[in-house]
Amino acid sequence: MVSPFVSRLGSNYCPTDEEILEINPLLVEPTLRLKGLDDEITKLQKAIDKLAEERSRVAAYVEAHKALISPVRRLPLDIIQELFLACLPTHRNCVMSASEAPVLLGRVCSSWRAISHTTPRLWSNLHVVEPLQNLADPTSASFEEKVARRLEITQTWLGRSGQCPLSISLQSAPDGTSPTGSPTTSMQFMETLVSFAQRWQHIQFTAPRSLLWKVMSHFDAEVPLLESVTFHNQGHNRLRSS
């Protein structure tokens, strides 16, 4: 389409009344053609959308069946367990995080969750960090709920370890005794961990000195598997190691 106004297009030129009368007829045929193209594009887009929808259904069918015959599904249980164990950190104990093994492994599928939960060695090491209390609201119910939840996870985690020797580290909150004189959350975590003392192999506790002495002075559990112990006074250097 050749326009006699090509030199004026894209500029700030203001056409005269006579030129406007000349321009309007030039737009009739292109406007009709534009509408025709829009209608054709709409028609083709509907066809493309229909094909895309069908493609999605076919692709889902193919992928579902490919997954069914995936080689990983045919791996022996012991191989899968060894692969899971290879996912654990080697330089520290495992943490309670959904973004790391072993918790992450159980979020892939129900089958992997069942395998991970029944592989004791995956749960034989744990790093426990106590929740911090909101000093602005020391009686906050949410804090109590968080403590209870973390104690429950600790119990469940170590309970899955079967009879495996345990490697445990604890980072307690930097507090002492509550104003009422009741046991602190640190003592609650200590008591939970002490219940597994018969299977302790390596332990490392970071807690206030007073709490460490209190726990150890009343400690009467047998620790036949124990190989190393490290105590850190909260906020200070290592207190004792053996």
C-alpha atoms as a PDB file:
ATOM      1  CA  MET A   1       0.000   0.000   0.000  1.00  0.00           C
ATOM      2  CA  VAL A   2       1.473   3.252  -1.207  1.00  0.00           C
ATOM      3  CA  SER A   3       0.287   6.438   0.458  1.00  0.00           C
ATOM      4  CA  PRO A   4       0.655   9.933  -0.955  1.00  0.00           C
ATOM      5  CA  PHE A   5       1.178  11.046   2.634  1.00  0.00           C
ATOM      6  CA  VAL A   6       4.143   8.756   3.290  1.00  0.00           C
ATOM      7  CA  SER A   7       6.411  11.725   3.970  1.00  0.00           C
ATOM      8  CA  ARG A   8       4.024  12.974   6.664  1.00  0.00           C
ATOM      9  CA  LEU A   9       3.570   9.670   8.492  1.00  0.00           C
ATOM     10  CA  GLY A  10       5.126   9.460  11.944  1.00  0.00           C
ATOM     11  CA  SER A  11       5.522  13.230  12.150  1.00  0.00           C
ATOM     12  CA  ASN A  12       3.654  15.963  14.007  1.00  0.00           C
ATOM     13  CA  TYR A  13       2.210  17.303  10.775  1.00  0.00           C
ATOM     14  CA  CYS A  14      -1.424  18.520  11.014  1.00  0.00           C
ATOM     15  CA  PRO A  15      -3.328  17.839   7.767  1.00  0.00           C
ATOM     16  CA  THR A  16      -5.659  20.427   6.226  1.00  0.00           C
ATOM     17  CA  ASP A  17      -9.395  19.894   5.844  1.00  0.00           C
ATOM     18  CA  GLU A  18      -8.893  19.023   2.188  1.00  0.00           C
ATOM     19  CA  GLU A  19      -6.186  16.486   3.057  1.00  0.00           C
ATOM     20  CA  ILE A  20      -8.444  14.864   5.687  1.00  0.00           C
ATOM     21  CA  LEU A  21     -11.097  14.383   2.990  1.00  0.00           C
ATOM     22  CA  GLU A  22      -8.398  12.727   0.897  1.00  0.00           C
ATOM     23  CA  ILE A  23      -7.071  10.519   3.712  1.00  0.00           C
ATOM     24  CA  ASN A  24     -10.418   9.004   4.813  1.00  0.00           C
ATOM     25  CA  PRO A  25     -11.029   7.089   1.525  1.00  0.00           C
ATOM     26  CA  LEU A  26      -7.486   5.705   1.766  1.00  0.00           C
ATOM     27  CA  LEU A  27      -8.432   3.963   5.035  1.00  0.00           C
ATOM     28  CA  VAL A  28     -11.565   2.109   3.885  1.00  0.00           C
ATOM     29  CA  GLU A  29      -9.929  -0.878   2.201  1.00  0.00           C
ATOM     30  CA  PRO A  30      -7.037  -1.259   4.742  1.00  0.00           C
ATOM     31  CA  THR A  31      -9.523  -1.095   7.639  1.00  0.00           C
ATOM     32  CA  LEU A  32     -11.581  -3.918   6.122  1.00  0.00           C
ATOM     33  CA  ARG A  33      -8.413  -5.895   5.481  1.00  0.00           C
ATOM     34  CA  LEU A  34      -7.302  -5.319   9.069  1.00  0.00           C
ATOM     35  CA  LYS A  35     -10.592  -6.671  10.394  1.00  0.00           C
ATOM     36  CA  GLY A  36     -10.281  -9.678   8.129  1.00  0.00           C
ATOM     37  CA  LEU A  37      -6.782 -10.381   9.397  1.00  0.00           C
ATOM     38  CA  ASP A  38      -7.943 -10.045  13.016  1.00  0.00           C
ATOM     39  CA  ASP A  39     -10.759 -12.509  12.382  1.00  0.00           C
ATOM     40  CA  GLU A  40      -8.349 -14.937  10.735  1.00  0.00           C
ATOM     41  CA  ILE A  41      -5.882 -14.625  13.611  1.00  0.00           C
ATOM     42  CA  THR A  42      -8.678 -15.284  16.121  1.00  0.00           C
ATOM     43  CA  LYS A  43      -9.736 -18.366  14.187  1.00  0.00           C
ATOM     44  CA  LEU A  44      -6.175 -19.661  13.972  1.00  0.00           C
ATOM     45  CA  GLN A  45      -5.565 -18.900  17.657  1.00  0.00           C
ATOM     46  CA  LYS A  46      -8.573 -21.000  18.623  1.00  0.00           C
ATOM     47  CA  ALA A  47      -7.182 -23.846  16.523  1.00  0.00           C
ATOM     48  CA  ILE A  48      -3.763 -23.450  18.159  1.00  0.00           C
ATOM     49  CA  ASP A  49      -5.322 -23.389  21.635  1.00  0.00           C
ATOM     50  CA  LYS A  50      -7.231 -26.574  20.836  1.00  0.00           C
ATOM     51  CA  LEU A  51      -4.067 -28.271  19.579  1.00  0.00           C
ATOM     52  CA  ALA A  52      -2.127 -27.071  22.634  1.00  0.00           C
ATOM     53  CA  GLU A  53      -4.779 -28.508  24.923  1.00  0.00           C
ATOM     54  CA  GLU A  54      -4.660 -31.822  23.122  1.00  0.00           C
ATOM     55  CA  ARG A  55      -0.878 -31.780  23.232  1.00  0.00           C
ATOM     56  CA  SER A  56      -0.954 -31.274  27.003  1.00  0.00           C
ATOM     57  CA  ARG A  57      -3.217 -34.308  27.417  1.00  0.00           C
ATOM     58  CA  VAL A  58      -1.038 -36.475  25.195  1.00  0.00           C
ATOM     59  CA  ALA A  59       2.161 -35.250  26.893  1.00  0.00           C
ATOM     60  CA  ALA A  60       0.704 -36.010  30.337  1.00  0.00           C
ATOM     61  CA  TYR A  61      -0.182 -39.518  29.156  1.00  0.00           C
ATOM     62  CA  VAL A  62       3.309 -40.089  27.763  1.00  0.00           C
ATOM     63  CA  GLU A  63       5.126 -38.662  30.793  1.00  0.00           C
ATOM     64  CA  ALA A  64       3.017 -40.670  33.236  1.00  0.00           C
ATOM     65  CA  HIS A  65       3.872 -43.902  31.451  1.00  0.00           C
ATOM     66  CA  LYS A  66       7.533 -42.960  31.091  1.00  0.00           C
ATOM     67  CA  ALA A  67       7.643 -42.367  34.831  1.00  0.00           C
ATOM     68  CA  LEU A  68       6.101 -45.793  35.362  1.00  0.00           C
ATOM     69  CA  ILE A  69       8.966 -47.490  33.506  1.00  0.00           C
ATOM     70  CA  SER A  70      11.671 -45.208  34.902  1.00  0.00           C
ATOM     71  CA  PRO A  71      14.839 -47.167  35.794  1.00  0.00           C
ATOM     72  CA  VAL A  72      14.949 -45.598  39.275  1.00  0.00           C
ATOM     73  CA  ARG A  73      11.743 -47.464  40.144  1.00  0.00           C
ATOM     74  CA  ARG A  74      13.551 -50.743  39.542  1.00  0.00           C
ATOM     75  CA  LEU A  75      16.464 -50.028  41.845  1.00  0.00           C
ATOM     76  CA  PRO A  76      16.758 -52.493  44.733  1.00  0.00           C
ATOM     77  CA  LEU A  77      15.774 -51.111  48.128  1.00  0.00           C
ATOM     78  CA  ASP A  78      19.296 -51.342  49.523  1.00  0.00           C
ATOM     79  CA  ILE A  79      20.677 -49.291  46.619  1.00  0.00           C
ATOM     80  CA  ILE A  80      18.075 -46.579  47.164  1.00  0.00           C
ATOM     81  CA  GLN A  81      18.900 -46.514  50.861  1.00  0.00           C
ATOM     82  CA  GLU A  82      22.610 -46.097  50.112  1.00  0.00           C
ATOM     83  CA  LEU A  83      21.819 -43.254  47.714  1.00  0.00           C
ATOM     84  CA  PHE A  84      19.735 -41.616  50.416  1.00  0.00           C
ATOM     85  CA  LEU A  85      22.565 -41.942  52.914  1.00  0.00           C
ATOM     86  CA  ALA A  86      24.945 -40.337  50.411  1.00  0.00           C
ATOM     87  CA  CYS A  87      22.702 -37.253  50.457  1.00  0.00           C
ATOM     88  CA  LEU A  88      23.360 -36.580  54.155  1.00  0.00           C
ATOM     89  CA  PRO A  89      25.813 -33.828  55.147  1.00  0.00           C
ATOM     90  CA  THR A  90      29.247 -35.154  56.028  1.00  0.00           C
ATOM     91  CA  HIS A  91      30.682 -32.193  57.956  1.00  0.00           C
ATOM     92  CA  ARG A  92      27.864 -31.689  60.474  1.00  0.00           C
ATOM     93  CA  ASN A  93      24.734 -33.269  61.888  1.00  0.00           C
ATOM     94  CA  CYS A  94      21.463 -33.081  59.997  1.00  0.00           C
ATOM     95  CA  VAL A  95      19.137 -30.184  60.703  1.00  0.00           C
ATOM     96  CA  MET A  96      15.350 -30.055  60.887  1.00  0.00           C
ATOM     97  CA  SER A  97      14.921 -28.550  57.437  1.00  0.00           C
ATOM     98  CA  ALA A  98      12.587 -29.495  54.604  1.00  0.00           C
ATOM     99  CA  SER A  99      15.244 -28.315  52.140  1.00  0.00           C
ATOM    100  CA  GLU A 100      17.835 -30.905  53.232  1.00  0.00           C
ATOM    101  CA  ALA A 101      18.094 -34.664  53.564  1.00  0.00           C
ATOM    102  CA  PRO A 102      16.668 -36.678  55.144  1.00  0.00           C
ATOM    103  CA  VAL A 103      13.449 -34.625  55.373  1.00  0.00           C
ATOM    104  CA  LEU A 104      13.694 -33.490  51.749  1.00  0.00           C
ATOM    105  CA  LEU A 105      13.846 -37.092  50.500  1.00  0.00           C
ATOM    106  CA  GLY A 106      10.453 -37.834  52.018  1.00  0.00           C
ATOM    107  CA  ARG A 107       8.859 -34.934  50.162  1.00  0.00           C
ATOM    108  CA  VAL A 108       9.571 -36.342  46.697  1.00  0.00           C
ATOM    109  CA  CYS A 109       6.877 -39.030  46.707  1.00  0.00           C
ATOM    110  CA  SER A 110       5.050 -41.371  49.086  1.00  0.00           C
ATOM    111  CA  SER A 111       7.322 -44.277  48.159  1.00  0.00           C
ATOM    112  CA  TRP A 112      10.500 -42.357  49.000  1.00  0.00           C
ATOM    113  CA  ARG A 113       8.879 -41.111  52.186  1.00  0.00           C
ATOM    114  CA  ALA A 114       8.165 -44.686  53.266  1.00  0.00           C
ATOM    115  CA  ILE A 115      11.734 -45.744  52.437  1.00  0.00           C
ATOM    116  CA  SER A 116      13.307 -42.796  54.247  1.00  0.00           C
ATOM    117  CA  HIS A 117      11.164 -43.281  57.348  1.00  0.00           C
ATOM    118  CA  THR A 118      12.180 -46.936  57.555  1.00  0.00           C
ATOM    119  CA  THR A 119      15.912 -46.379  57.063  1.00  0.00           C
ATOM    120  CA  PRO A 120      17.224 -45.879  60.629  1.00  0.00           C
ATOM    121  CA  ARG A 121      20.688 -44.651  59.620  1.00  0.00           C
ATOM    122  CA  LEU A 122      19.135 -41.590  57.967  1.00  0.00           C
ATOM    123  CA  TRP A 123      17.907 -40.425  61.354  1.00  0.00           C
ATOM    124  CA  SER A 124      20.908 -41.351  63.487  1.00  0.00           C
ATOM    125  CA  ASN A 125      22.362 -37.836  63.630  1.00  0.00           C
ATOM    126  CA  LEU A 126      20.628 -34.592  64.492  1.00  0.00           C
ATOM    127  CA  HIS A 127      21.396 -30.975  65.295  1.00  0.00           C
ATOM    128  CA  VAL A 128      18.788 -29.425  67.572  1.00  0.00           C
ATOM    129  CA  VAL A 129      18.402 -25.670  67.878  1.00  0.00           C
ATOM    130  CA  GLU A 130      16.057 -24.394  70.563  1.00  0.00           C
ATOM    131  CA  PRO A 131      13.510 -21.770  69.554  1.00  0.00           C
ATOM    132  CA  LEU A 132      14.189 -18.254  70.790  1.00  0.00           C
ATOM    133  CA  GLN A 133      11.598 -16.650  73.008  1.00  0.00           C
ATOM    134  CA  ASN A 134      10.084 -13.299  72.081  1.00  0.00           C
ATOM    135  CA  LEU A 135      11.388 -11.042  74.846  1.00  0.00           C
ATOM    136  CA  ALA A 136       8.632  -8.535  74.140  1.00  0.00           C
ATOM    137  CA  ASP A 137       6.083 -11.207  75.043  1.00  0.00           C
ATOM    138  CA  PRO A 138       7.722 -13.937  77.170  1.00  0.00           C
ATOM    139  CA  THR A 139       4.375 -15.669  77.764  1.00  0.00           C
ATOM    140  CA  SER A 140       3.594 -15.908  74.067  1.00  0.00           C
ATOM    141  CA  ALA A 141       1.510 -18.995  73.285  1.00  0.00           C
ATOM    142  CA  SER A 142       3.156 -19.280  69.886  1.00  0.00           C
ATOM    143  CA  PHE A 143       6.533 -19.790  71.567  1.00  0.00           C
ATOM    144  CA  GLU A 144       5.159 -22.609  73.707  1.00  0.00           C
ATOM    145  CA  GLU A 145       3.669 -24.202  70.605  1.00  0.00           C
ATOM    146  CA  LYS A 146       6.971 -23.888  68.762  1.00  0.00           C
ATOM    147  CA  VAL A 147       8.844 -25.532  71.642  1.00  0.00           C
ATOM    148  CA  ALA A 148       6.317 -28.355  71.841  1.00  0.00           C
ATOM    149  CA  ARG A 149       6.495 -28.903  68.098  1.00  0.00           C
ATOM    150  CA  ARG A 150      10.296 -29.002  68.047  1.00  0.00           C
ATOM    151  CA  LEU A 151      10.383 -31.398  70.986  1.00  0.00           C
ATOM    152  CA  GLU A 152       7.919 -33.616  69.154  1.00  0.00           C
ATOM    153  CA  ILE A 153      10.026 -33.562  65.991  1.00  0.00           C
ATOM    154  CA  THR A 154      13.154 -34.359  68.003  1.00  0.00           C
ATOM    155  CA  GLN A 155      11.430 -37.339  69.611  1.00  0.00           C
ATOM    156  CA  THR A 156      10.043 -38.572  66.295  1.00  0.00           C
ATOM    157  CA  TRP A 157      13.343 -38.064  64.458  1.00  0.00           C
ATOM    158  CA  LEU A 158      15.437 -40.020  66.929  1.00  0.00           C
ATOM    159  CA  GLY A 159      12.676 -42.597  67.287  1.00  0.00           C
ATOM    160  CA  ARG A 160      13.125 -43.461  63.607  1.00  0.00           C
ATOM    161  CA  SER A 161      16.804 -44.238  64.180  1.00  0.00           C
ATOM    162  CA  GLY A 162      16.014 -47.720  65.455  1.00  0.00           C
ATOM    163  CA  GLN A 163      19.015 -49.052  67.360  1.00  0.00           C
ATOM    164  CA  CYS A 164      21.672 -47.040  65.503  1.00  0.00           C
ATOM    165  CA  PRO A 165      24.381 -45.189  67.432  1.00  0.00           C
ATOM    166  CA  LEU A 166      23.514 -41.509  67.623  1.00  0.00           C
ATOM    167  CA  SER A 167      25.408 -38.323  66.885  1.00  0.00           C
ATOM    168  CA  ILE A 168      23.614 -35.389  68.509  1.00  0.00           C
ATOM    169  CA  SER A 169      24.367 -31.705  68.883  1.00  0.00           C
ATOM    170  CA  LEU A 170      22.273 -29.212  70.801  1.00  0.00           C
ATOM    171  CA  GLN A 171      22.320 -25.425  70.609  1.00  0.00           C
ATOM    172  CA  SER A 172      20.351 -24.193  73.581  1.00  0.00           C
ATOM    173  CA  ALA A 173      18.793 -20.788  73.960  1.00  0.00           C
ATOM    174  CA  PRO A 174      20.911 -18.351  76.043  1.00  0.00           C
ATOM    175  CA  ASP A 175      18.686 -18.301  79.089  1.00  0.00           C
ATOM    176  CA  GLY A 176      18.852 -19.569  82.612  1.00  0.00           C
ATOM    177  CA  THR A 177      15.927 -20.430  84.804  1.00  0.00           C
ATOM    178  CA  SER A 178      12.494 -18.962  84.315  1.00  0.00           C
ATOM    179  CA  PRO A 179      11.243 -16.402  86.861  1.00  0.00           C
ATOM    180  CA  THR A 180       9.011 -19.035  88.464  1.00  0.00           C
ATOM    181  CA  GLY A 181      11.860 -21.455  88.915  1.00  0.00           C
ATOM    182  CA  SER A 182      10.313 -24.077  86.579  1.00  0.00           C
ATOM    183  CA  PRO A 183      12.503 -26.030  84.148  1.00  0.00           C
ATOM    184  CA  THR A 184      13.560 -24.039  81.141  1.00  0.00           C
ATOM    185  CA  THR A 185      13.044 -25.175  77.592  1.00  0.00           C
ATOM    186  CA  SER A 186      16.731 -26.116  77.585  1.00  0.00           C
ATOM    187  CA  MET A 187      16.051 -28.668  80.290  1.00  0.00           C
ATOM    188  CA  GLN A 188      13.135 -30.053  78.298  1.00  0.00           C
ATOM    189  CA  PHE A 189      15.382 -30.608  75.307  1.00  0.00           C
ATOM    190  CA  MET A 190      18.095 -32.073  77.487  1.00  0.00           C
ATOM    191  CA  GLU A 191      15.648 -34.516  79.043  1.00  0.00           C
ATOM    192  CA  THR A 192      14.443 -35.594  75.607  1.00  0.00           C
ATOM    193  CA  LEU A 193      17.988 -36.234  74.431  1.00  0.00           C
ATOM    194  CA  VAL A 194      18.976 -38.004  77.643  1.00  0.00           C
ATOM    195  CA  SER A 195      16.172 -40.500  77.027  1.00  0.00           C
ATOM    196  CA  PHE A 196      18.264 -41.753  74.101  1.00  0.00           C
ATOM    197  CA  ALA A 197      21.541 -41.801  76.065  1.00  0.00           C
ATOM    198  CA  GLN A 198      22.043 -45.568  75.720  1.00  0.00           C
ATOM    199  CA  ARG A 199      22.690 -45.024  72.018  1.00  0.00           C
ATOM    200  CA  TRP A 200      24.771 -41.839  72.239  1.00  0.00           C
ATOM    201  CA  GLN A 201      27.987 -42.130  70.249  1.00  0.00           C
ATOM    202  CA  HIS A 202      28.976 -38.509  69.716  1.00  0.00           C
ATOM    203  CA  ILE A 203      27.352 -35.626  71.561  1.00  0.00           C
ATOM    204  CA  GLN A 204      27.974 -31.914  71.629  1.00  0.00           C
ATOM    205  CA  PHE A 205      25.960 -29.651  73.913  1.00  0.00           C
ATOM    206  CA  THR A 206      26.138 -25.861  73.820  1.00  0.00           C
ATOM    207  CA  ALA A 207      24.270 -24.524  76.826  1.00  0.00           C
ATOM    208  CA  PRO A 208      24.670 -22.289  79.892  1.00  0.00           C
ATOM    209  CA  ARG A 209      27.215 -23.676  82.361  1.00  0.00           C
ATOM    210  CA  SER A 210      24.597 -23.951  85.113  1.00  0.00           C
ATOM    211  CA  LEU A 211      22.393 -26.134  82.946  1.00  0.00           C
ATOM    212  CA  LEU A 212      25.261 -28.394  81.920  1.00  0.00           C
ATOM    213  CA  TRP A 213      26.273 -28.940  85.541  1.00  0.00           C
ATOM    214  CA  LYS A 214      22.675 -29.569  86.556  1.00  0.00           C
ATOM    215  CA  VAL A 215      22.161 -32.192  83.887  1.00  0.00           C
ATOM    216  CA  MET A 216      25.464 -33.929  84.439  1.00  0.00           C
ATOM    217  CA  SER A 217      25.146 -33.936  88.240  1.00  0.00           C
ATOM    218  CA  HIS A 218      21.909 -35.918  87.949  1.00  0.00           C
ATOM    219  CA  PHE A 219      22.999 -38.029  84.995  1.00  0.00           C
ATOM    220  CA  ASP A 220      22.748 -41.737  85.772  1.00  0.00           C
ATOM    221  CA  ALA A 221      22.035 -43.268  82.351  1.00  0.00           C
ATOM    222  CA  GLU A 222      24.311 -45.902  80.828  1.00  0.00           C
ATOM    223  CA  VAL A 223      26.193 -44.818  77.716  1.00  0.00           C
ATOM    224  CA  PRO A 224      27.896 -47.984  76.392  1.00  0.00           C
ATOM    225  CA  LEU A 225      28.382 -46.617  72.855  1.00  0.00           C
ATOM    226  CA  LEU A 226      29.697 -43.192  73.791  1.00  0.00           C
ATOM    227  CA  GLU A 227      32.936 -42.214  72.015  1.00  0.00           C
ATOM    228  CA  SER A 228      33.118 -38.435  72.273  1.00  0.00           C
ATOM    229  CA  VAL A 229      31.569 -35.677  74.362  1.00  0.00           C
ATOM    230  CA  THR A 230      31.938 -31.946  73.901  1.00  0.00           C
ATOM    231  CA  PHE A 231      30.398 -29.333  76.172  1.00  0.00           C
ATOM    232  CA  HIS A 232      30.393 -25.656  75.280  1.00  0.00           C
ATOM    233  CA  ASN A 233      29.469 -23.073  77.867  1.00  0.00           C
ATOM    234  CA  GLN A 234      26.904 -20.865  76.158  1.00  0.00           C
ATOM    235  CA  GLY A 235      28.690 -17.753  74.851  1.00  0.00           C
ATOM    236  CA  HIS A 236      32.143 -18.923  76.006  1.00  0.00           C
ATOM    237  CA  ASN A 237      34.889 -21.316  74.995  1.00  0.00           C
ATOM    238  CA  ARG A 238      34.647 -25.056  75.170  1.00  0.00           C
ATOM    239  CA  LEU A 239      34.061 -26.200  78.705  1.00  0.00           C
ATOM    240  CA  ARG A 240      35.113 -29.824  78.531  1.00  0.00           C
ATOM    241  CA  SER A 241      35.880 -32.394  75.890  1.00  0.00           C
ATOM    242  CA  SER A 242      36.665 -36.066  76.152  1.00  0.00           C
END
